[in-house]
Amino acid sequence: MSDESSRKPTVLRRPDSVHEDAELVLRVFPMPADSNANGDIFGGWVMAQVDVAGAVLPMRIAKGRIATVAVNEFLFKQPVSVGDLLSFYARVTRIGRSSVTVHVEVWAERNP
């Protein structure tokens, strides 16, 4: 029998390479329904989550409706698996008269 009080919870650390101005805006677990035939998570599903995460800060600034107009770059460095905990960090890089530019980074904690 193990002593429940002796277990330490896993602390989710901010990755060191995330920009200091970036804010954690979304955390999500991909589910089996989000995977492709190879067992990896669909890239389109990840892109949809990035769209949601990228909307958080502009919505606060605009205090109203916003829309994604463009995605300038999207780079997948490693596949995402079912059960990985994805953390989305966003930071505003530019505020224009009618636009807000946001940089979003996604980090995976592998099957916590």
PDB file of N, CA and C in Angstrom:
ATOM      1  N   MET A   1       0.844  -1.165   0.000  1.00  0.00           N
ATOM      2  CA  MET A   1       0.000   0.000   0.000  1.00  0.00           C
ATOM      3  C   MET A   1       0.896   1.238   0.000  1.00  0.00           C
ATOM      4  N   SER A   2       0.570   2.213  -0.822  1.00  0.00           N
ATOM      5  CA  SER A   2       1.390   3.420  -0.888  1.00  0.00           C
ATOM      6  C   SER A   2       0.747   4.537  -0.086  1.00  0.00           C
ATOM      7  N   ASP A   3       1.567   5.386   0.428  1.00  0.00           N
ATOM      8  CA  ASP A   3       1.094   6.526   1.198  1.00  0.00           C
ATOM      9  C   ASP A   3       0.744   7.652   0.224  1.00  0.00           C
ATOM     10  N   GLU A   4      -0.532   8.027   0.154  1.00  0.00           N
ATOM     11  CA  GLU A   4      -0.990   9.058  -0.781  1.00  0.00           C
ATOM     12  C   GLU A   4      -0.263  10.384  -0.568  1.00  0.00           C
ATOM     13  N   SER A   5       0.041  10.708   0.686  1.00  0.00           N
ATOM     14  CA  SER A   5       0.668  11.997   0.959  1.00  0.00           C
ATOM     15  C   SER A   5       2.122  12.051   0.504  1.00  0.00           C
ATOM     16  N   SER A   6       2.732  10.892   0.240  1.00  0.00           N
ATOM     17  CA  SER A   6       4.133  10.891  -0.192  1.00  0.00           C
ATOM     18  C   SER A   6       4.283  11.124  -1.692  1.00  0.00           C
ATOM     19  N   ARG A   7       3.192  11.031  -2.429  1.00  0.00           N
ATOM     20  CA  ARG A   7       3.248  11.278  -3.876  1.00  0.00           C
ATOM     21  C   ARG A   7       3.265  12.771  -4.145  1.00  0.00           C
ATOM     22  N   LYS A   8       4.153  13.161  -5.035  1.00  0.00           N
ATOM     23  CA  LYS A   8       4.214  14.569  -5.408  1.00  0.00           C
ATOM     24  C   LYS A   8       3.549  14.734  -6.765  1.00  0.00           C
ATOM     25  N   PRO A   9       2.695  15.746  -6.906  1.00  0.00           N
ATOM     26  CA  PRO A   9       2.072  15.957  -8.212  1.00  0.00           C
ATOM     27  C   PRO A   9       3.110  16.427  -9.224  1.00  0.00           C
ATOM     28  N   THR A  10       2.870  16.098 -10.475  1.00  0.00           N
ATOM     29  CA  THR A  10       3.748  16.562 -11.540  1.00  0.00           C
ATOM     30  C   THR A  10       3.510  18.055 -11.739  1.00  0.00           C
ATOM     31  N   VAL A  11       4.568  18.815 -11.698  1.00  0.00           N
ATOM     32  CA  VAL A  11       4.461  20.252 -11.915  1.00  0.00           C
ATOM     33  C   VAL A  11       4.729  20.521 -13.389  1.00  0.00           C
ATOM     34  N   LEU A  12       3.788  21.178 -14.036  1.00  0.00           N
ATOM     35  CA  LEU A  12       3.949  21.501 -15.452  1.00  0.00           C
ATOM     36  C   LEU A  12       4.784  22.767 -15.564  1.00  0.00           C
ATOM     37  N   ARG A  13       5.996  22.598 -16.020  1.00  0.00           N
ATOM     38  CA  ARG A  13       6.916  23.719 -16.144  1.00  0.00           C
ATOM     39  C   ARG A  13       6.784  24.382 -17.503  1.00  0.00           C
ATOM     40  N   ARG A  14       7.018  25.666 -17.509  1.00  0.00           N
ATOM     41  CA  ARG A  14       7.078  26.425 -18.753  1.00  0.00           C
ATOM     42  C   ARG A  14       8.403  26.063 -19.425  1.00  0.00           C
ATOM     43  N   PRO A  15       8.385  25.670 -20.695  1.00  0.00           N
ATOM     44  CA  PRO A  15       9.647  25.369 -21.386  1.00  0.00           C
ATOM     45  C   PRO A  15      10.567  26.595 -21.385  1.00  0.00           C
ATOM     46  N   ASP A  16      11.836  26.372 -21.171  1.00  0.00           N
ATOM     47  CA  ASP A  16      12.801  27.471 -21.079  1.00  0.00           C
ATOM     48  C   ASP A  16      12.869  28.317 -22.341  1.00  0.00           C
ATOM     49  N   SER A  17      12.614  27.713 -23.488  1.00  0.00           N
ATOM     50  CA  SER A  17      12.753  28.455 -24.745  1.00  0.00           C
ATOM     51  C   SER A  17      11.514  29.267 -25.123  1.00  0.00           C
ATOM     52  N   VAL A  18      10.447  29.181 -24.341  1.00  0.00           N
ATOM     53  CA  VAL A  18       9.259  29.995 -24.619  1.00  0.00           C
ATOM     54  C   VAL A  18       9.576  31.443 -24.251  1.00  0.00           C
ATOM     55  N   HIS A  19       9.219  32.367 -25.133  1.00  0.00           N
ATOM     56  CA  HIS A  19       9.476  33.797 -24.922  1.00  0.00           C
ATOM     57  C   HIS A  19       8.891  34.234 -23.583  1.00  0.00           C
ATOM     58  N   GLU A  20       9.623  35.084 -22.865  1.00  0.00           N
ATOM     59  CA  GLU A  20       9.187  35.494 -21.520  1.00  0.00           C
ATOM     60  C   GLU A  20       7.858  36.241 -21.509  1.00  0.00           C
ATOM     61  N   ASP A  21       7.477  36.863 -22.626  1.00  0.00           N
ATOM     62  CA  ASP A  21       6.201  37.579 -22.704  1.00  0.00           C
ATOM     63  C   ASP A  21       5.034  36.677 -23.094  1.00  0.00           C
ATOM     64  N   ALA A  22       5.315  35.429 -23.435  1.00  0.00           N
ATOM     65  CA  ALA A  22       4.246  34.519 -23.863  1.00  0.00           C
ATOM     66  C   ALA A  22       3.407  34.093 -22.663  1.00  0.00           C
ATOM     67  N   GLU A  23       2.127  33.935 -22.918  1.00  0.00           N
ATOM     68  CA  GLU A  23       1.168  33.560 -21.877  1.00  0.00           C
ATOM     69  C   GLU A  23       0.564  32.199 -22.214  1.00  0.00           C
ATOM     70  N   LEU A  24       0.411  31.357 -21.214  1.00  0.00           N
ATOM     71  CA  LEU A  24      -0.277  30.087 -21.416  1.00  0.00           C
ATOM     72  C   LEU A  24      -1.752  30.399 -21.629  1.00  0.00           C
ATOM     73  N   VAL A  25      -2.281  30.068 -22.820  1.00  0.00           N
ATOM     74  CA  VAL A  25      -3.665  30.423 -23.136  1.00  0.00           C
ATOM     75  C   VAL A  25      -4.576  29.214 -23.310  1.00  0.00           C
ATOM     76  N   LEU A  26      -3.984  28.018 -23.463  1.00  0.00           N
ATOM     77  CA  LEU A  26      -4.806  26.824 -23.681  1.00  0.00           C
ATOM     78  C   LEU A  26      -3.991  25.590 -23.335  1.00  0.00           C
ATOM     79  N   ARG A  27      -4.668  24.613 -22.744  1.00  0.00           N
ATOM     80  CA  ARG A  27      -4.051  23.311 -22.481  1.00  0.00           C
ATOM     81  C   ARG A  27      -5.092  22.256 -22.821  1.00  0.00           C
ATOM     82  N   VAL A  28      -4.690  21.219 -23.581  1.00  0.00           N
ATOM     83  CA  VAL A  28      -5.663  20.228 -24.050  1.00  0.00           C
ATOM     84  C   VAL A  28      -4.990  18.875 -24.278  1.00  0.00           C
ATOM     85  N   PHE A  29      -5.772  17.804 -24.078  1.00  0.00           N
ATOM     86  CA  PHE A  29      -5.349  16.444 -24.399  1.00  0.00           C
ATOM     87  C   PHE A  29      -5.998  16.032 -25.711  1.00  0.00           C
ATOM     88  N   PRO A  30      -5.238  15.650 -26.742  1.00  0.00           N
ATOM     89  CA  PRO A  30      -5.864  15.085 -27.936  1.00  0.00           C
ATOM     90  C   PRO A  30      -6.434  13.705 -27.609  1.00  0.00           C
ATOM     91  N   MET A  31      -7.538  13.385 -28.215  1.00  0.00           N
ATOM     92  CA  MET A  31      -8.243  12.131 -27.963  1.00  0.00           C
ATOM     93  C   MET A  31      -8.096  11.195 -29.167  1.00  0.00           C
ATOM     94  N   PRO A  32      -8.423   9.908 -29.004  1.00  0.00           N
ATOM     95  CA  PRO A  32      -8.313   8.957 -30.118  1.00  0.00           C
ATOM     96  C   PRO A  32      -9.071   9.398 -31.375  1.00  0.00           C
ATOM     97  N   ALA A  33     -10.192  10.061 -31.211  1.00  0.00           N
ATOM     98  CA  ALA A  33     -10.965  10.520 -32.375  1.00  0.00           C
ATOM     99  C   ALA A  33     -10.215  11.573 -33.190  1.00  0.00           C
ATOM    100  N   ASP A  34      -9.172  12.169 -32.610  1.00  0.00           N
ATOM    101  CA  ASP A  34      -8.390  13.206 -33.290  1.00  0.00           C
ATOM    102  C   ASP A  34      -7.190  12.643 -34.041  1.00  0.00           C
ATOM    103  N   SER A  35      -7.051  11.305 -34.060  1.00  0.00           N
ATOM    104  CA  SER A  35      -5.863  10.691 -34.663  1.00  0.00           C
ATOM    105  C   SER A  35      -6.122  10.198 -36.083  1.00  0.00           C
ATOM    106  N   ASN A  36      -5.028  10.032 -36.818  1.00  0.00           N
ATOM    107  CA  ASN A  36      -5.110   9.514 -38.181  1.00  0.00           C
ATOM    108  C   ASN A  36      -4.838   8.008 -38.179  1.00  0.00           C
ATOM    109  N   ALA A  37      -4.743   7.416 -39.354  1.00  0.00           N
ATOM    110  CA  ALA A  37      -4.553   5.962 -39.471  1.00  0.00           C
ATOM    111  C   ALA A  37      -3.217   5.491 -38.897  1.00  0.00           C
ATOM    112  N   ASN A  38      -2.242   6.384 -38.795  1.00  0.00           N
ATOM    113  CA  ASN A  38      -0.935   6.032 -38.227  1.00  0.00           C
ATOM    114  C   ASN A  38      -0.896   6.168 -36.706  1.00  0.00           C
ATOM    115  N   GLY A  39      -1.977   6.685 -36.133  1.00  0.00           N
ATOM    116  CA  GLY A  39      -2.022   6.873 -34.685  1.00  0.00           C
ATOM    117  C   GLY A  39      -1.528   8.231 -34.220  1.00  0.00           C
ATOM    118  N   ASP A  40      -1.085   9.060 -35.161  1.00  0.00           N
ATOM    119  CA  ASP A  40      -0.674  10.427 -34.822  1.00  0.00           C
ATOM    120  C   ASP A  40      -1.899  11.336 -34.867  1.00  0.00           C
ATOM    121  N   ILE A  41      -1.818  12.453 -34.184  1.00  0.00           N
ATOM    122  CA  ILE A  41      -2.918  13.412 -34.204  1.00  0.00           C
ATOM    123  C   ILE A  41      -2.894  14.161 -35.538  1.00  0.00           C
ATOM    124  N   PHE A  42      -4.083  14.352 -36.129  1.00  0.00           N
ATOM    125  CA  PHE A  42      -4.205  15.087 -37.386  1.00  0.00           C
ATOM    126  C   PHE A  42      -3.588  16.476 -37.238  1.00  0.00           C
ATOM    127  N   GLY A  43      -2.779  16.871 -38.216  1.00  0.00           N
ATOM    128  CA  GLY A  43      -2.209  18.214 -38.208  1.00  0.00           C
ATOM    129  C   GLY A  43      -3.287  19.279 -38.239  1.00  0.00           C
ATOM    130  N   GLY A  44      -4.377  19.008 -38.953  1.00  0.00           N
ATOM    131  CA  GLY A  44      -5.480  19.965 -39.024  1.00  0.00           C
ATOM    132  C   GLY A  44      -6.136  20.198 -37.677  1.00  0.00           C
ATOM    133  N   TRP A  45      -6.176  19.151 -36.847  1.00  0.00           N
ATOM    134  CA  TRP A  45      -6.731  19.301 -35.495  1.00  0.00           C
ATOM    135  C   TRP A  45      -5.839  20.226 -34.675  1.00  0.00           C
ATOM    136  N   VAL A  46      -4.518  20.028 -34.786  1.00  0.00           N
ATOM    137  CA  VAL A  46      -3.581  20.895 -34.066  1.00  0.00           C
ATOM    138  C   VAL A  46      -3.732  22.334 -34.560  1.00  0.00           C
ATOM    139  N   MET A  47      -3.869  22.510 -35.873  1.00  0.00           N
ATOM    140  CA  MET A  47      -4.034  23.849 -36.438  1.00  0.00           C
ATOM    141  C   MET A  47      -5.296  24.524 -35.909  1.00  0.00           C
ATOM    142  N   ALA A  48      -6.376  23.769 -35.775  1.00  0.00           N
ATOM    143  CA  ALA A  48      -7.621  24.329 -35.232  1.00  0.00           C
ATOM    144  C   ALA A  48      -7.427  24.783 -33.788  1.00  0.00           C
ATOM    145  N   GLN A  49      -6.682  24.011 -33.003  1.00  0.00           N
ATOM    146  CA  GLN A  49      -6.418  24.396 -31.614  1.00  0.00           C
ATOM    147  C   GLN A  49      -5.540  25.648 -31.558  1.00  0.00           C
ATOM    148  N   VAL A  50      -4.584  25.754 -32.474  1.00  0.00           N
ATOM    149  CA  VAL A  50      -3.745  26.957 -32.547  1.00  0.00           C
ATOM    150  C   VAL A  50      -4.603  28.168 -32.891  1.00  0.00           C
ATOM    151  N   ASP A  51      -5.587  28.002 -33.757  1.00  0.00           N
ATOM    152  CA  ASP A  51      -6.489  29.099 -34.110  1.00  0.00           C
ATOM    153  C   ASP A  51      -7.250  29.574 -32.873  1.00  0.00           C
ATOM    154  N   VAL A  52      -7.722  28.634 -32.065  1.00  0.00           N
ATOM    155  CA  VAL A  52      -8.423  28.989 -30.819  1.00  0.00           C
ATOM    156  C   VAL A  52      -7.463  29.708 -29.870  1.00  0.00           C
ATOM    157  N   ALA A  53      -6.278  29.136 -29.677  1.00  0.00           N
ATOM    158  CA  ALA A  53      -5.290  29.734 -28.766  1.00  0.00           C
ATOM    159  C   ALA A  53      -4.862  31.122 -29.242  1.00  0.00           C
ATOM    160  N   GLY A  54      -4.714  31.264 -30.547  1.00  0.00           N
ATOM    161  CA  GLY A  54      -4.300  32.542 -31.111  1.00  0.00           C
ATOM    162  C   GLY A  54      -5.360  33.619 -31.023  1.00  0.00           C
ATOM    163  N   ALA A  55      -6.589  33.245 -30.726  1.00  0.00           N
ATOM    164  CA  ALA A  55      -7.683  34.213 -30.615  1.00  0.00           C
ATOM    165  C   ALA A  55      -7.806  34.811 -29.216  1.00  0.00           C
ATOM    166  N   VAL A  56      -7.252  34.150 -28.214  1.00  0.00           N
ATOM    167  CA  VAL A  56      -7.460  34.573 -26.823  1.00  0.00           C
ATOM    168  C   VAL A  56      -6.981  36.002 -26.572  1.00  0.00           C
ATOM    169  N   LEU A  57      -5.748  36.303 -26.890  1.00  0.00           N
ATOM    170  CA  LEU A  57      -5.208  37.635 -26.609  1.00  0.00           C
ATOM    171  C   LEU A  57      -5.852  38.723 -27.469  1.00  0.00           C
ATOM    172  N   PRO A  58      -6.038  38.516 -28.789  1.00  0.00           N
ATOM    173  CA  PRO A  58      -6.729  39.540 -29.581  1.00  0.00           C
ATOM    174  C   PRO A  58      -8.158  39.816 -29.102  1.00  0.00           C
ATOM    175  N   MET A  59      -8.850  38.790 -28.602  1.00  0.00           N
ATOM    176  CA  MET A  59     -10.207  39.016 -28.088  1.00  0.00           C
ATOM    177  C   MET A  59     -10.181  39.949 -26.883  1.00  0.00           C
ATOM    178  N   ARG A  60      -9.181  39.806 -26.045  1.00  0.00           N
ATOM    179  CA  ARG A  60      -9.048  40.706 -24.890  1.00  0.00           C
ATOM    180  C   ARG A  60      -8.779  42.137 -25.346  1.00  0.00           C
ATOM    181  N   ILE A  61      -7.942  42.278 -26.362  1.00  0.00           N
ATOM    182  CA  ILE A  61      -7.583  43.603 -26.861  1.00  0.00           C
ATOM    183  C   ILE A  61      -8.762  44.249 -27.575  1.00  0.00           C
ATOM    184  N   ALA A  62      -9.416  43.499 -28.463  1.00  0.00           N
ATOM    185  CA  ALA A  62     -10.516  44.035 -29.271  1.00  0.00           C
ATOM    186  C   ALA A  62     -11.800  44.206 -28.469  1.00  0.00           C
ATOM    187  N   LYS A  63     -11.938  43.438 -27.402  1.00  0.00           N
ATOM    188  CA  LYS A  63     -13.173  43.442 -26.598  1.00  0.00           C
ATOM    189  C   LYS A  63     -14.397  43.194 -27.472  1.00  0.00           C
ATOM    190  N   GLY A  64     -14.227  42.318 -28.440  1.00  0.00           N
ATOM    191  CA  GLY A  64     -15.325  42.000 -29.343  1.00  0.00           C
ATOM    192  C   GLY A  64     -14.910  40.919 -30.316  1.00  0.00           C
ATOM    193  N   ARG A  65     -15.617  40.863 -31.420  1.00  0.00           N
ATOM    194  CA  ARG A  65     -15.370  39.819 -32.419  1.00  0.00           C
ATOM    195  C   ARG A  65     -14.033  40.010 -33.108  1.00  0.00           C
ATOM    196  N   ILE A  66     -13.429  38.878 -33.423  1.00  0.00           N
ATOM    197  CA  ILE A  66     -12.190  38.879 -34.195  1.00  0.00           C
ATOM    198  C   ILE A  66     -12.275  37.764 -35.227  1.00  0.00           C
ATOM    199  N   ALA A  67     -11.375  37.772 -36.186  1.00  0.00           N
ATOM    200  CA  ALA A  67     -11.317  36.707 -37.193  1.00  0.00           C
ATOM    201  C   ALA A  67      -9.866  36.473 -37.583  1.00  0.00           C
ATOM    202  N   THR A  68      -9.527  35.222 -37.835  1.00  0.00           N
ATOM    203  CA  THR A  68      -8.199  34.901 -38.346  1.00  0.00           C
ATOM    204  C   THR A  68      -8.169  35.263 -39.825  1.00  0.00           C
ATOM    205  N   VAL A  69      -7.220  36.099 -40.207  1.00  0.00           N
ATOM    206  CA  VAL A  69      -7.110  36.534 -41.594  1.00  0.00           C
ATOM    207  C   VAL A  69      -6.008  35.773 -42.317  1.00  0.00           C
ATOM    208  N   ALA A  70      -4.914  35.483 -41.621  1.00  0.00           N
ATOM    209  CA  ALA A  70      -3.787  34.808 -42.265  1.00  0.00           C
ATOM    210  C   ALA A  70      -2.975  34.029 -41.238  1.00  0.00           C
ATOM    211  N   VAL A  71      -2.349  32.977 -41.727  1.00  0.00           N
ATOM    212  CA  VAL A  71      -1.352  32.232 -40.960  1.00  0.00           C
ATOM    213  C   VAL A  71      -0.084  32.307 -41.793  1.00  0.00           C
ATOM    214  N   ASN A  72       0.940  32.939 -41.255  1.00  0.00           N
ATOM    215  CA  ASN A  72       2.152  33.171 -42.034  1.00  0.00           C
ATOM    216  C   ASN A  72       3.101  31.984 -42.069  1.00  0.00           C
ATOM    217  N   GLU A  73       3.083  31.161 -41.040  1.00  0.00           N
ATOM    218  CA  GLU A  73       3.973  30.006 -41.002  1.00  0.00           C
ATOM    219  C   GLU A  73       3.411  28.990 -40.022  1.00  0.00           C
ATOM    220  N   PHE A  74       3.568  27.714 -40.371  1.00  0.00           N
ATOM    221  CA  PHE A  74       3.142  26.634 -39.479  1.00  0.00           C
ATOM    222  C   PHE A  74       4.152  25.513 -39.639  1.00  0.00           C
ATOM    223  N   LEU A  75       4.859  25.195 -38.582  1.00  0.00           N
ATOM    224  CA  LEU A  75       5.923  24.204 -38.644  1.00  0.00           C
ATOM    225  C   LEU A  75       5.662  23.104 -37.624  1.00  0.00           C
ATOM    226  N   PHE A  76       5.538  21.869 -38.113  1.00  0.00           N
ATOM    227  CA  PHE A  76       5.380  20.710 -37.235  1.00  0.00           C
ATOM    228  C   PHE A  76       6.759  20.092 -37.039  1.00  0.00           C
ATOM    229  N   LYS A  77       7.264  20.112 -35.810  1.00  0.00           N
ATOM    230  CA  LYS A  77       8.603  19.573 -35.549  1.00  0.00           C
ATOM    231  C   LYS A  77       8.568  18.100 -35.183  1.00  0.00           C
ATOM    232  N   GLN A  78       7.498  17.660 -34.516  1.00  0.00           N
ATOM    233  CA  GLN A  78       7.360  16.259 -34.121  1.00  0.00           C
ATOM    234  C   GLN A  78       5.884  15.894 -34.131  1.00  0.00           C
ATOM    235  N   PRO A  79       5.579  14.605 -34.330  1.00  0.00           N
ATOM    236  CA  PRO A  79       4.179  14.192 -34.269  1.00  0.00           C
ATOM    237  C   PRO A  79       3.635  14.311 -32.847  1.00  0.00           C
ATOM    238  N   VAL A  80       2.337  14.495 -32.758  1.00  0.00           N
ATOM    239  CA  VAL A  80       1.626  14.535 -31.479  1.00  0.00           C
ATOM    240  C   VAL A  80       0.874  13.225 -31.340  1.00  0.00           C
ATOM    241  N   SER A  81       0.868  12.668 -30.136  1.00  0.00           N
ATOM    242  CA  SER A  81       0.211  11.380 -29.886  1.00  0.00           C
ATOM    243  C   SER A  81      -1.001  11.546 -28.977  1.00  0.00           C
ATOM    244  N   VAL A  82      -1.900  10.580 -29.054  1.00  0.00           N
ATOM    245  CA  VAL A  82      -3.043  10.544 -28.141  1.00  0.00           C
ATOM    246  C   VAL A  82      -2.498  10.523 -26.719  1.00  0.00           C
ATOM    247  N   GLY A  83      -3.057  11.350 -25.854  1.00  0.00           N
ATOM    248  CA  GLY A  83      -2.642  11.384 -24.459  1.00  0.00           C
ATOM    249  C   GLY A  83      -1.558  12.386 -24.139  1.00  0.00           C
ATOM    250  N   ASP A  84      -0.910  12.965 -25.163  1.00  0.00           N
ATOM    251  CA  ASP A  84       0.055  14.029 -24.890  1.00  0.00           C
ATOM    252  C   ASP A  84      -0.716  15.235 -24.353  1.00  0.00           C
ATOM    253  N   LEU A  85      -0.134  15.947 -23.432  1.00  0.00           N
ATOM    254  CA  LEU A  85      -0.748  17.176 -22.937  1.00  0.00           C
ATOM    255  C   LEU A  85      -0.134  18.329 -23.712  1.00  0.00           C
ATOM    256  N   LEU A  86      -0.957  19.016 -24.497  1.00  0.00           N
ATOM    257  CA  LEU A  86      -0.469  20.136 -25.306  1.00  0.00           C
ATOM    258  C   LEU A  86      -0.696  21.449 -24.574  1.00  0.00           C
ATOM    259  N   SER A  87       0.337  22.266 -24.523  1.00  0.00           N
ATOM    260  CA  SER A  87       0.256  23.594 -23.920  1.00  0.00           C
ATOM    261  C   SER A  87       0.514  24.620 -25.015  1.00  0.00           C
ATOM    262  N   PHE A  88      -0.357  25.613 -25.101  1.00  0.00           N
ATOM    263  CA  PHE A  88      -0.294  26.633 -26.143  1.00  0.00           C
ATOM    264  C   PHE A  88       0.085  27.968 -25.499  1.00  0.00           C
ATOM    265  N   TYR A  89       1.212  28.525 -25.927  1.00  0.00           N
ATOM    266  CA  TYR A  89       1.698  29.799 -25.407  1.00  0.00           C
ATOM    267  C   TYR A  89       1.564  30.840 -26.510  1.00  0.00           C
ATOM    268  N   ALA A  90       1.000  31.999 -26.180  1.00  0.00           N
ATOM    269  CA  ALA A  90       0.787  33.046 -27.179  1.00  0.00           C
ATOM    270  C   ALA A  90       1.346  34.374 -26.681  1.00  0.00           C
ATOM    271  N   ARG A  91       1.778  35.175 -27.650  1.00  0.00           N
ATOM    272  CA  ARG A  91       2.201  36.543 -27.331  1.00  0.00           C
ATOM    273  C   ARG A  91       1.859  37.440 -28.512  1.00  0.00           C
ATOM    274  N   VAL A  92       1.455  38.645 -28.198  1.00  0.00           N
ATOM    275  CA  VAL A  92       1.141  39.637 -29.221  1.00  0.00           C
ATOM    276  C   VAL A  92       2.455  40.238 -29.698  1.00  0.00           C
ATOM    277  N   THR A  93       2.646  40.241 -31.021  1.00  0.00           N
ATOM    278  CA  THR A  93       3.877  40.805 -31.580  1.00  0.00           C
ATOM    279  C   THR A  93       3.644  42.151 -32.260  1.00  0.00           C
ATOM    280  N   ARG A  94       2.380  42.457 -32.561  1.00  0.00           N
ATOM    281  CA  ARG A  94       2.065  43.733 -33.211  1.00  0.00           C
ATOM    282  C   ARG A  94       0.588  44.046 -33.028  1.00  0.00           C
ATOM    283  N   ILE A  95       0.292  45.317 -32.770  1.00  0.00           N
ATOM    284  CA  ILE A  95      -1.093  45.785 -32.724  1.00  0.00           C
ATOM    285  C   ILE A  95      -1.216  46.915 -33.734  1.00  0.00           C
ATOM    286  N   GLY A  96      -2.080  46.705 -34.738  1.00  0.00           N
ATOM    287  CA  GLY A  96      -2.332  47.726 -35.746  1.00  0.00           C
ATOM    288  C   GLY A  96      -3.672  48.405 -35.488  1.00  0.00           C
ATOM    289  N   ARG A  97      -4.133  49.226 -36.452  1.00  0.00           N
ATOM    290  CA  ARG A  97      -5.430  49.898 -36.301  1.00  0.00           C
ATOM    291  C   ARG A  97      -6.580  48.902 -36.328  1.00  0.00           C
ATOM    292  N   SER A  98      -6.463  47.896 -37.197  1.00  0.00           N
ATOM    293  CA  SER A  98      -7.556  46.922 -37.324  1.00  0.00           C
ATOM    294  C   SER A  98      -7.039  45.484 -37.312  1.00  0.00           C
ATOM    295  N   SER A  99      -5.853  45.292 -36.769  1.00  0.00           N
ATOM    296  CA  SER A  99      -5.298  43.939 -36.745  1.00  0.00           C
ATOM    297  C   SER A  99      -4.423  43.731 -35.506  1.00  0.00           C
ATOM    298  N   VAL A 100      -4.294  42.467 -35.140  1.00  0.00           N
ATOM    299  CA  VAL A 100      -3.413  42.065 -34.044  1.00  0.00           C
ATOM    300  C   VAL A 100      -2.633  40.855 -34.543  1.00  0.00           C
ATOM    301  N   THR A 101      -1.322  40.906 -34.455  1.00  0.00           N
ATOM    302  CA  THR A 101      -0.485  39.782 -34.857  1.00  0.00           C
ATOM    303  C   THR A 101      -0.062  39.025 -33.607  1.00  0.00           C
ATOM    304  N   VAL A 102      -0.244  37.702 -33.664  1.00  0.00           N
ATOM    305  CA  VAL A 102       0.028  36.850 -32.506  1.00  0.00           C
ATOM    306  C   VAL A 102       0.971  35.726 -32.915  1.00  0.00           C
ATOM    307  N   HIS A 103       1.918  35.414 -32.051  1.00  0.00           N
ATOM    308  CA  HIS A 103       2.812  34.265 -32.236  1.00  0.00           C
ATOM    309  C   HIS A 103       2.362  33.199 -31.245  1.00  0.00           C
ATOM    310  N   VAL A 104       2.140  31.975 -31.736  1.00  0.00           N
ATOM    311  CA  VAL A 104       1.702  30.869 -30.875  1.00  0.00           C
ATOM    312  C   VAL A 104       2.718  29.738 -30.973  1.00  0.00           C
ATOM    313  N   GLU A 105       3.105  29.196 -29.822  1.00  0.00           N
ATOM    314  CA  GLU A 105       3.965  28.008 -29.761  1.00  0.00           C
ATOM    315  C   GLU A 105       3.203  26.912 -29.043  1.00  0.00           C
ATOM    316  N   VAL A 106       3.376  25.687 -29.527  1.00  0.00           N
ATOM    317  CA  VAL A 106       2.726  24.527 -28.911  1.00  0.00           C
ATOM    318  C   VAL A 106       3.807  23.594 -28.383  1.00  0.00           C
ATOM    319  N   TRP A 107       3.653  23.179 -27.146  1.00  0.00           N
ATOM    320  CA  TRP A 107       4.584  22.247 -26.513  1.00  0.00           C
ATOM    321  C   TRP A 107       3.817  21.036 -26.039  1.00  0.00           C
ATOM    322  N   ALA A 108       4.412  19.859 -26.215  1.00  0.00           N
ATOM    323  CA  ALA A 108       3.769  18.608 -25.801  1.00  0.00           C
ATOM    324  C   ALA A 108       4.497  18.009 -24.610  1.00  0.00           C
ATOM    325  N   GLU A 109       3.729  17.671 -23.590  1.00  0.00           N
ATOM    326  CA  GLU A 109       4.254  16.862 -22.496  1.00  0.00           C
ATOM    327  C   GLU A 109       3.821  15.448 -22.830  1.00  0.00           C
ATOM    328  N   ARG A 110       4.772  14.595 -23.076  1.00  0.00           N
ATOM    329  CA  ARG A 110       4.483  13.258 -23.580  1.00  0.00           C
ATOM    330  C   ARG A 110       3.801  12.372 -22.555  1.00  0.00           C
ATOM    331  N   ASN A 111       2.591  11.949 -22.877  1.00  0.00           N
ATOM    332  CA  ASN A 111       1.802  11.010 -22.072  1.00  0.00           C
ATOM    333  C   ASN A 111       2.075  11.122 -20.575  1.00  0.00           C
ATOM    334  N   PRO A 112       1.646  12.241 -19.968  1.00  0.00           N
ATOM    335  CA  PRO A 112       1.952  12.456 -18.547  1.00  0.00           C
ATOM    336  C   PRO A 112       1.353  11.394 -17.639  1.00  0.00           C
TER     337      PRO A 112
END
